[in-house]
Amino acid sequence: MKVAIVHYWLVGMRGGEKVIEALCELYPEADVFTHVYRPERISPVIRRHRVTTTFIDRLPMAHRMYQKYLPLMPLALEQLDLSAYDLVISSESGPAKGVLTRPDALHVCYCHTPMRYVWSGYHDYLSSAGPVVRPLMPYAIHRLRQWDLATAARVDRFIANSETVAQRIWRVYRRDSTVINPPVETRRFATAEPPGDHYLFLSQLVSYKRADVAIEAFNRMGRKLVVVGEGEEFRRLKQMAGPTVELVGHCSAEELDRHYAACRALVFTANEDFGIVPVEAMAAGRPVIALNRGGATETVKDGLTGLFFDQQTPEALIEAVQRFEAQERRFDPVAIQAHAARFDRAVFKSRLRETIESWMNGEEPSLAPARATAHGARGRELAPA
């Protein structure tokens, strides 16, 4: 069986790339296809595979400004010849699932979220676009949205990385999906005792992650906050950070592990599709203070592995930190680590292998449609991790 793995771009090792890495381990002979490839920033596991890029990779400054070429990516995907492959696995949150496959091939889409640029995050990206790009975006994104809807029909089976994303897949594509949470290397983390005197915020520094909420809250409280990450908002956030807030930029994997182990708790302000960062913090035995929306609601157990706050505001976060500090001793690092283990990489690989093998054998999933009620509740129970 010949296997192709399609990913939107390979320019760093974030959550989506960790999924690709696990897929490469499951299918060691698979070929990888992507729009843009920076091998020096990609793990050896992926680099061992043959990686083919679309013409986007050869456009000017594509390795740094690849997102500017988003309108050309549908055309680029359709130029890939995947006719030799029996199984095609696309990894979707940027354009990836629109490839053309052989009629008798199985196309499985592992969906991190329907393309954020054109759906849930469209207005955020529009408001943050520059004066030259902004007037062109509505038409270009409208056409891309139409293409994205049409290409959902090219997928035989959808896998969602969370119940939250399964609901989005139904709302956007009217397609059912199987939930398999993404892989987290939970066994690599160690807990430092006692923890340090600071809190941790770890994220790519883009607008929807709402690092500004965390920084403003900790400025007001005078509590220590370490912000790890890089991105377009780094300079603005650096300027708003007070004396108790430290932005450290990019960190190596070893440095990240130390930050997780040493913090009092992780602060998580984003409405994420799944959110690997909270699971990594819990794998290090650290509680999570998280926004009560999105994927964090599926991984953090209120009162056991962390606490929730309901509004994406400094005031709500301040109140949650104060509640946490009033009961900090009740959070048991061993119990938190045990909870995180259910999201381990081995669990992901086992479930994914079994699921795809059953589909290759023609078996149907025993899942009802993930349809929303009038009040927004899910109309089915999704498979647990």
Protein backbone atom coordinates (compact mmCIF):
# COMPACT_ATOMS: atom_id res chain seq x y z
CA MET A 1 0.00 0.00 0.00
CA LYS A 2 1.40 3.38 -1.02
CA VAL A 3 0.68 6.21 1.41
CA ALA A 4 0.81 9.99 0.87
CA ILE A 5 0.71 12.50 3.72
CA VAL A 6 -0.33 16.06 2.79
CA HIS A 7 0.34 18.98 5.14
CA TYR A 8 -0.25 22.69 4.51
CA TRP A 9 3.31 23.87 5.29
CA LEU A 10 6.35 22.53 7.11
CA VAL A 11 8.11 25.55 8.58
CA GLY A 12 8.33 24.61 12.28
CA MET A 13 7.38 21.95 14.81
CA ARG A 14 4.04 22.97 16.29
CA GLY A 15 0.95 20.86 17.00
CA GLY A 16 0.11 20.11 13.38
CA GLU A 17 3.67 19.05 12.64
CA LYS A 18 3.65 16.75 15.68
CA VAL A 19 0.71 14.96 14.05
CA ILE A 20 2.71 14.64 10.82
CA GLU A 21 5.65 13.28 12.79
CA ALA A 22 3.45 10.58 14.35
CA LEU A 23 1.97 9.75 10.93
CA CYS A 24 5.49 9.37 9.56
CA GLU A 25 6.23 6.88 12.33
CA LEU A 26 3.04 4.95 11.56
CA TYR A 27 3.80 4.90 7.83
CA PRO A 28 7.60 4.84 7.50
CA GLU A 29 7.47 4.43 3.69
CA ALA A 30 5.00 7.30 3.16
CA ASP A 31 5.77 10.30 0.95
CA VAL A 32 5.06 13.79 2.30
CA PHE A 33 3.60 16.66 0.26
CA THR A 34 3.45 20.30 1.36
CA HIS A 35 3.37 23.86 0.03
CA VAL A 36 6.51 25.16 1.76
CA TYR A 37 9.33 23.20 3.39
CA ARG A 38 12.08 24.43 5.72
CA PRO A 39 13.96 21.22 6.57
CA GLU A 40 16.25 22.90 9.09
CA ARG A 41 13.22 23.59 11.30
CA ILE A 42 11.64 20.15 10.95
CA SER A 43 12.31 17.01 12.99
CA PRO A 44 14.58 14.21 11.72
CA VAL A 45 11.58 11.84 11.71
CA ILE A 46 9.89 13.88 8.96
CA ARG A 47 13.13 14.68 7.13
CA ARG A 48 13.77 10.97 6.60
CA HIS A 49 10.78 10.87 4.26
CA ARG A 50 10.68 12.09 0.70
CA VAL A 51 9.13 15.57 0.84
CA THR A 52 7.63 17.11 -2.30
CA THR A 53 6.60 20.77 -2.38
CA THR A 54 4.13 22.64 -4.57
CA PHE A 55 5.21 25.58 -6.72
CA ILE A 56 4.49 27.87 -3.75
CA ASP A 57 7.87 26.85 -2.32
CA ARG A 58 9.65 28.41 -5.31
CA LEU A 59 7.91 31.78 -5.17
CA PRO A 60 9.77 34.87 -3.85
CA MET A 61 10.20 34.94 -0.05
CA ALA A 62 7.84 31.97 0.30
CA HIS A 63 9.70 30.53 3.29
CA ARG A 64 8.87 33.61 5.35
CA MET A 65 5.72 34.99 3.71
CA TYR A 66 3.99 31.77 2.66
CA GLN A 67 0.63 32.87 4.06
CA LYS A 68 0.54 35.74 1.58
CA TYR A 69 0.26 33.13 -1.18
CA LEU A 70 -2.89 31.59 0.30
CA PRO A 71 -5.07 32.42 -2.77
CA LEU A 72 -2.70 30.40 -5.00
CA MET A 73 -2.63 27.31 -2.79
CA PRO A 74 -5.80 25.65 -4.20
CA LEU A 75 -4.27 25.72 -7.68
CA ALA A 76 -0.96 24.46 -6.29
CA LEU A 77 -2.60 21.49 -4.52
CA GLU A 78 -4.42 20.39 -7.63
CA GLN A 79 -1.13 20.16 -9.55
CA LEU A 80 0.14 17.40 -7.23
CA ASP A 81 -0.04 13.98 -8.87
CA LEU A 82 -1.20 11.50 -6.21
CA SER A 83 -2.50 8.88 -8.65
CA ALA A 84 0.01 6.27 -7.41
CA TYR A 85 -1.24 6.34 -3.78
CA ASP A 86 -3.76 3.98 -2.20
CA LEU A 87 -4.13 5.99 1.04
CA VAL A 88 -3.94 9.78 1.24
CA ILE A 89 -3.97 11.45 4.67
CA SER A 90 -4.37 15.22 4.57
CA SER A 91 -3.65 17.39 7.61
CA GLU A 92 -6.00 20.36 7.45
CA SER A 93 -6.15 23.79 8.97
CA GLY A 94 -4.51 25.46 6.02
CA PRO A 95 -5.16 24.31 2.44
CA ALA A 96 -4.30 20.60 2.30
CA LYS A 97 -7.41 18.48 1.72
CA GLY A 98 -8.05 19.81 -1.80
CA VAL A 99 -5.70 17.34 -3.50
CA LEU A 100 -6.97 15.16 -6.34
CA THR A 101 -6.79 11.45 -5.54
CA ARG A 102 -7.34 8.24 -7.47
CA PRO A 103 -11.05 7.21 -7.51
CA ASP A 104 -10.39 3.98 -5.60
CA ALA A 105 -7.98 5.54 -3.07
CA LEU A 106 -9.04 6.31 0.51
CA HIS A 107 -8.67 10.00 1.41
CA VAL A 108 -8.70 10.62 5.18
CA CYS A 109 -8.57 14.21 6.42
CA TYR A 110 -7.21 14.81 9.92
CA CYS A 111 -8.76 18.20 10.60
CA HIS A 112 -7.26 20.54 13.20
CA THR A 113 -10.00 23.02 12.26
CA PRO A 114 -11.70 24.15 9.05
CA MET A 115 -9.39 26.78 7.56
CA ARG A 116 -9.28 29.50 10.18
CA TYR A 117 -8.41 32.18 7.60
CA VAL A 118 -11.75 31.78 5.84
CA TRP A 119 -14.08 30.63 8.62
CA SER A 120 -13.79 31.19 12.38
CA GLY A 121 -10.86 33.63 12.21
CA TYR A 122 -11.76 35.54 9.07
CA HIS A 123 -12.70 38.85 10.72
CA ASP A 124 -9.63 38.77 12.97
CA TYR A 125 -7.34 38.32 9.97
CA LEU A 126 -9.23 40.98 8.00
CA SER A 127 -8.91 43.56 10.79
CA SER A 128 -5.19 42.87 11.21
CA ALA A 129 -4.37 42.99 7.48
CA GLY A 130 -2.35 45.89 6.10
CA PRO A 131 -3.88 48.72 4.04
CA VAL A 132 -2.73 47.19 0.75
CA VAL A 133 -4.03 43.67 1.40
CA ARG A 134 -7.26 44.49 3.27
CA PRO A 135 -9.31 45.74 0.27
CA LEU A 136 -8.45 42.58 -1.70
CA MET A 137 -9.20 40.10 1.06
CA PRO A 138 -13.03 39.89 0.93
CA TYR A 139 -13.12 38.78 -2.70
CA ALA A 140 -10.09 36.48 -2.46
CA ILE A 141 -11.33 34.81 0.74
CA HIS A 142 -14.85 34.48 -0.68
CA ARG A 143 -13.46 32.48 -3.62
CA LEU A 144 -11.26 30.43 -1.29
CA ARG A 145 -14.27 29.72 0.94
CA GLN A 146 -16.21 28.38 -2.06
CA TRP A 147 -13.28 26.15 -3.02
CA ASP A 148 -12.89 24.91 0.54
CA LEU A 149 -16.55 23.87 0.70
CA ALA A 150 -16.33 22.09 -2.64
CA THR A 151 -13.21 20.14 -1.68
CA ALA A 152 -14.88 18.66 1.41
CA ALA A 153 -16.53 16.28 -1.07
CA ARG A 154 -13.06 14.98 -2.05
CA VAL A 155 -12.57 13.59 1.47
CA ASP A 156 -13.83 10.08 2.23
CA ARG A 157 -13.45 10.27 6.03
CA PHE A 158 -12.91 13.16 8.43
CA ILE A 159 -11.05 12.83 11.72
CA ALA A 160 -11.42 15.78 14.12
CA ASN A 161 -8.78 16.57 16.72
CA SER A 162 -11.44 17.45 19.32
CA GLU A 163 -15.18 17.51 19.90
CA THR A 164 -15.01 21.28 19.36
CA VAL A 165 -13.58 20.75 15.87
CA ALA A 166 -16.04 17.95 15.10
CA GLN A 167 -18.80 20.47 15.68
CA ARG A 168 -17.09 22.99 13.38
CA ILE A 169 -16.70 20.37 10.66
CA TRP A 170 -20.43 19.69 10.82
CA ARG A 171 -21.31 23.40 10.77
CA VAL A 172 -19.03 24.22 7.83
CA TYR A 173 -18.99 21.05 5.70
CA ARG A 174 -22.06 19.17 6.98
CA ARG A 175 -19.84 16.10 7.37
CA ASP A 176 -19.56 13.66 10.26
CA SER A 177 -16.19 12.99 11.85
CA THR A 178 -14.42 10.66 14.25
CA VAL A 179 -12.61 12.33 17.16
CA ILE A 180 -8.99 11.35 17.81
CA ASN A 181 -7.06 13.80 19.98
CA PRO A 182 -3.61 14.82 18.69
CA PRO A 183 -0.43 13.26 20.09
CA VAL A 184 1.37 14.69 23.11
CA GLU A 185 4.71 13.33 24.33
CA THR A 186 3.49 13.19 27.92
CA ARG A 187 6.27 10.88 29.15
CA ARG A 188 9.08 13.32 28.46
CA PHE A 189 8.04 15.82 31.11
CA ALA A 190 9.26 15.95 34.68
CA THR A 191 7.93 17.92 37.64
CA ALA A 192 10.11 20.23 39.71
CA GLU A 193 9.35 20.39 43.42
CA PRO A 194 8.69 22.90 44.71
CA PRO A 195 7.59 25.05 41.73
CA GLY A 196 8.91 28.54 41.17
CA ASP A 197 7.15 31.78 42.03
CA HIS A 198 6.01 32.64 38.50
CA TYR A 199 3.21 31.71 36.09
CA LEU A 200 3.76 30.64 32.48
CA PHE A 201 2.16 31.75 29.21
CA LEU A 202 3.33 29.74 26.19
CA SER A 203 2.01 30.37 22.70
CA GLN A 204 2.64 31.68 19.25
CA LEU A 205 2.20 35.43 19.68
CA VAL A 206 -0.63 36.19 17.28
CA SER A 207 -3.76 38.18 17.98
CA TYR A 208 -6.29 35.40 18.56
CA LYS A 209 -4.13 33.79 21.27
CA ARG A 210 -4.86 36.87 23.44
CA ALA A 211 -1.52 37.11 25.21
CA ASP A 212 -2.44 40.75 25.83
CA VAL A 213 -5.15 39.61 28.27
CA ALA A 214 -2.60 37.67 30.32
CA ILE A 215 -0.01 40.45 30.29
CA GLU A 216 -2.51 43.12 31.33
CA ALA A 217 -3.84 40.92 34.15
CA PHE A 218 -0.37 40.23 35.54
CA ASN A 219 0.63 43.87 35.17
CA ARG A 220 -2.28 44.80 37.42
CA MET A 221 -1.65 42.04 39.96
CA GLY A 222 2.11 42.56 40.11
CA ARG A 223 2.56 38.77 39.81
CA LYS A 224 5.44 37.25 37.86
CA LEU A 225 4.59 35.95 34.39
CA VAL A 226 7.00 34.39 31.89
CA VAL A 227 5.80 34.63 28.27
CA VAL A 228 7.38 32.11 25.90
CA GLY A 229 6.84 32.40 22.16
CA GLU A 230 7.42 34.48 19.08
CA GLY A 231 5.21 35.99 16.41
CA GLU A 232 3.88 39.16 14.86
CA GLU A 233 2.66 40.56 18.21
CA PHE A 234 5.97 40.17 20.06
CA ARG A 235 7.04 43.81 19.80
CA ARG A 236 3.65 45.21 20.84
CA LEU A 237 3.42 42.81 23.78
CA LYS A 238 6.98 43.62 24.84
CA GLN A 239 6.04 47.29 25.03
CA MET A 240 2.96 46.66 27.18
CA ALA A 241 4.73 44.28 29.60
CA GLY A 242 5.31 45.66 33.09
CA PRO A 243 8.26 44.93 35.40
CA THR A 244 6.86 41.57 36.56
CA VAL A 245 6.25 40.24 33.03
CA GLU A 246 9.15 38.74 31.06
CA LEU A 247 8.99 37.88 27.34
CA VAL A 248 11.70 35.35 26.49
CA GLY A 249 10.89 34.68 22.82
CA HIS A 250 11.72 31.36 21.21
CA CYS A 251 12.95 28.50 23.41
CA SER A 252 14.43 25.09 22.66
CA ALA A 253 12.53 21.93 23.63
CA GLU A 254 14.77 21.49 26.66
CA GLU A 255 14.13 25.07 27.79
CA LEU A 256 10.38 24.61 27.33
CA ASP A 257 10.47 21.53 29.52
CA ARG A 258 12.19 23.53 32.26
CA HIS A 259 9.64 26.34 32.00
CA TYR A 260 6.75 23.87 32.36
CA ALA A 261 8.33 22.18 35.36
CA ALA A 262 9.17 25.40 37.21
CA CYS A 263 5.92 27.38 36.89
CA ARG A 264 3.16 27.63 39.49
CA ALA A 265 0.53 27.20 36.77
CA LEU A 266 0.03 27.67 33.04
CA VAL A 267 -2.20 30.55 31.92
CA PHE A 268 -4.19 29.76 28.76
CA THR A 269 -6.31 32.55 27.27
CA ALA A 270 -7.03 31.29 23.74
CA ASN A 271 -10.19 29.70 22.35
CA GLU A 272 -8.30 26.81 20.75
CA ASP A 273 -9.26 23.91 18.53
CA PHE A 274 -7.63 21.45 20.94
CA GLY A 275 -4.67 23.05 22.69
CA ILE A 276 -1.58 20.90 23.14
CA VAL A 277 0.11 23.39 25.49
CA PRO A 278 -2.30 22.76 28.42
CA VAL A 279 -1.78 19.01 28.06
CA GLU A 280 1.99 19.44 28.09
CA ALA A 281 1.75 21.58 31.23
CA MET A 282 -0.40 18.90 32.89
CA ALA A 283 2.08 16.23 31.79
CA ALA A 284 4.64 18.18 33.85
CA GLY A 285 2.23 18.06 36.79
CA ARG A 286 1.28 21.73 36.56
CA PRO A 287 -2.28 23.08 36.88
CA VAL A 288 -3.84 25.11 34.06
CA ILE A 289 -5.86 28.33 34.40
CA ALA A 290 -7.80 28.25 31.14
CA LEU A 291 -10.51 30.06 29.23
CA ASN A 292 -13.71 28.03 29.47
CA ARG A 293 -14.07 27.59 25.70
CA GLY A 294 -12.82 25.35 22.92
CA GLY A 295 -10.51 22.41 23.29
CA ALA A 296 -9.35 23.28 26.80
CA THR A 297 -12.80 22.33 28.09
CA GLU A 298 -12.09 18.77 26.87
CA THR A 299 -8.65 18.42 28.46
CA VAL A 300 -8.66 20.45 31.70
CA LYS A 301 -10.71 19.09 34.60
CA ASP A 302 -11.97 21.96 36.73
CA GLY A 303 -10.85 21.55 40.32
CA LEU A 304 -8.63 18.54 39.54
CA THR A 305 -6.10 19.70 36.93
CA GLY A 306 -6.89 23.40 36.84
CA LEU A 307 -9.51 26.15 36.89
CA PHE A 308 -11.59 27.94 34.26
CA PHE A 309 -12.49 31.57 33.70
CA ASP A 310 -15.45 32.52 31.51
CA GLN A 311 -14.52 35.79 29.82
CA GLN A 312 -11.48 36.70 27.71
CA THR A 313 -10.74 39.72 29.90
CA PRO A 314 -8.01 40.71 32.38
CA GLU A 315 -10.63 41.03 35.13
CA ALA A 316 -11.87 37.44 34.66
CA LEU A 317 -8.32 36.11 34.61
CA ILE A 318 -7.37 38.04 37.75
CA GLU A 319 -10.32 36.54 39.58
CA ALA A 320 -9.32 33.04 38.42
CA VAL A 321 -5.70 33.49 39.57
CA GLN A 322 -6.95 34.63 42.97
CA ARG A 323 -9.18 31.54 43.20
CA PHE A 324 -6.27 29.35 42.21
CA GLU A 325 -3.97 30.79 44.85
CA ALA A 326 -6.62 30.28 47.53
CA GLN A 327 -6.60 26.51 46.81
CA GLU A 328 -3.20 25.95 45.18
CA ARG A 329 -2.21 23.16 47.56
CA ARG A 330 -5.11 20.95 46.58
CA PHE A 331 -3.70 20.36 43.08
CA ASP A 332 -1.78 17.08 43.14
CA PRO A 333 1.01 16.86 40.49
CA VAL A 334 0.77 13.05 40.35
CA ALA A 335 -2.98 13.13 39.69
CA ILE A 336 -2.51 15.85 37.07
CA GLN A 337 0.15 13.81 35.26
CA ALA A 338 -2.03 10.71 35.34
CA HIS A 339 -4.84 12.66 33.68
CA ALA A 340 -2.51 13.96 30.95
CA ALA A 341 -1.38 10.42 30.09
CA ARG A 342 -4.65 9.71 28.27
CA PHE A 343 -3.47 12.07 25.52
CA ASP A 344 -0.12 10.33 25.04
CA ARG A 345 1.43 9.86 21.59
CA ALA A 346 1.07 6.08 21.85
CA VAL A 347 -2.70 6.44 22.39
CA PHE A 348 -3.00 8.62 19.28
CA LYS A 349 -1.04 6.21 17.08
CA SER A 350 -2.97 3.17 18.28
CA ARG A 351 -6.37 4.75 17.72
CA LEU A 352 -5.43 6.21 14.35
CA ARG A 353 -4.01 2.91 13.07
CA GLU A 354 -7.09 0.95 14.16
CA THR A 355 -9.47 3.52 12.68
CA ILE A 356 -7.79 3.75 9.27
CA GLU A 357 -7.37 -0.02 9.03
CA SER A 358 -11.09 -0.48 9.67
CA TRP A 359 -11.92 2.00 6.90
CA MET A 360 -9.49 0.32 4.51
CA ASN A 361 -11.36 -2.92 5.23
CA GLY A 362 -14.68 -1.28 4.39
CA GLU A 363 -16.03 -1.08 7.93
CA GLU A 364 -18.37 1.78 8.79
CA PRO A 365 -17.89 3.92 11.93
CA SER A 366 -20.70 3.57 14.47
CA LEU A 367 -21.12 7.32 14.96
CA ALA A 368 -24.25 9.40 14.61
CA PRO A 369 -24.07 12.82 12.91
CA ALA A 370 -22.44 15.64 14.92
CA ARG A 371 -25.36 17.99 14.41
CA ALA A 372 -26.09 20.96 16.64
CA THR A 373 -29.42 21.56 18.29
CA ALA A 374 -31.12 24.94 18.18
CA HIS A 375 -29.30 25.81 21.40
CA GLY A 376 -25.88 24.83 20.06
CA ALA A 377 -25.55 21.56 21.97
CA ARG A 378 -24.02 18.56 20.24
CA GLY A 379 -26.44 15.97 18.97
CA ARG A 380 -24.24 12.96 19.68
CA GLU A 381 -21.61 11.56 21.98
CA LEU A 382 -18.20 11.47 20.42
CA ALA A 383 -15.69 8.71 20.96
CA PRO A 384 -13.49 9.36 24.00
CA ALA A 385 -9.74 9.57 23.69
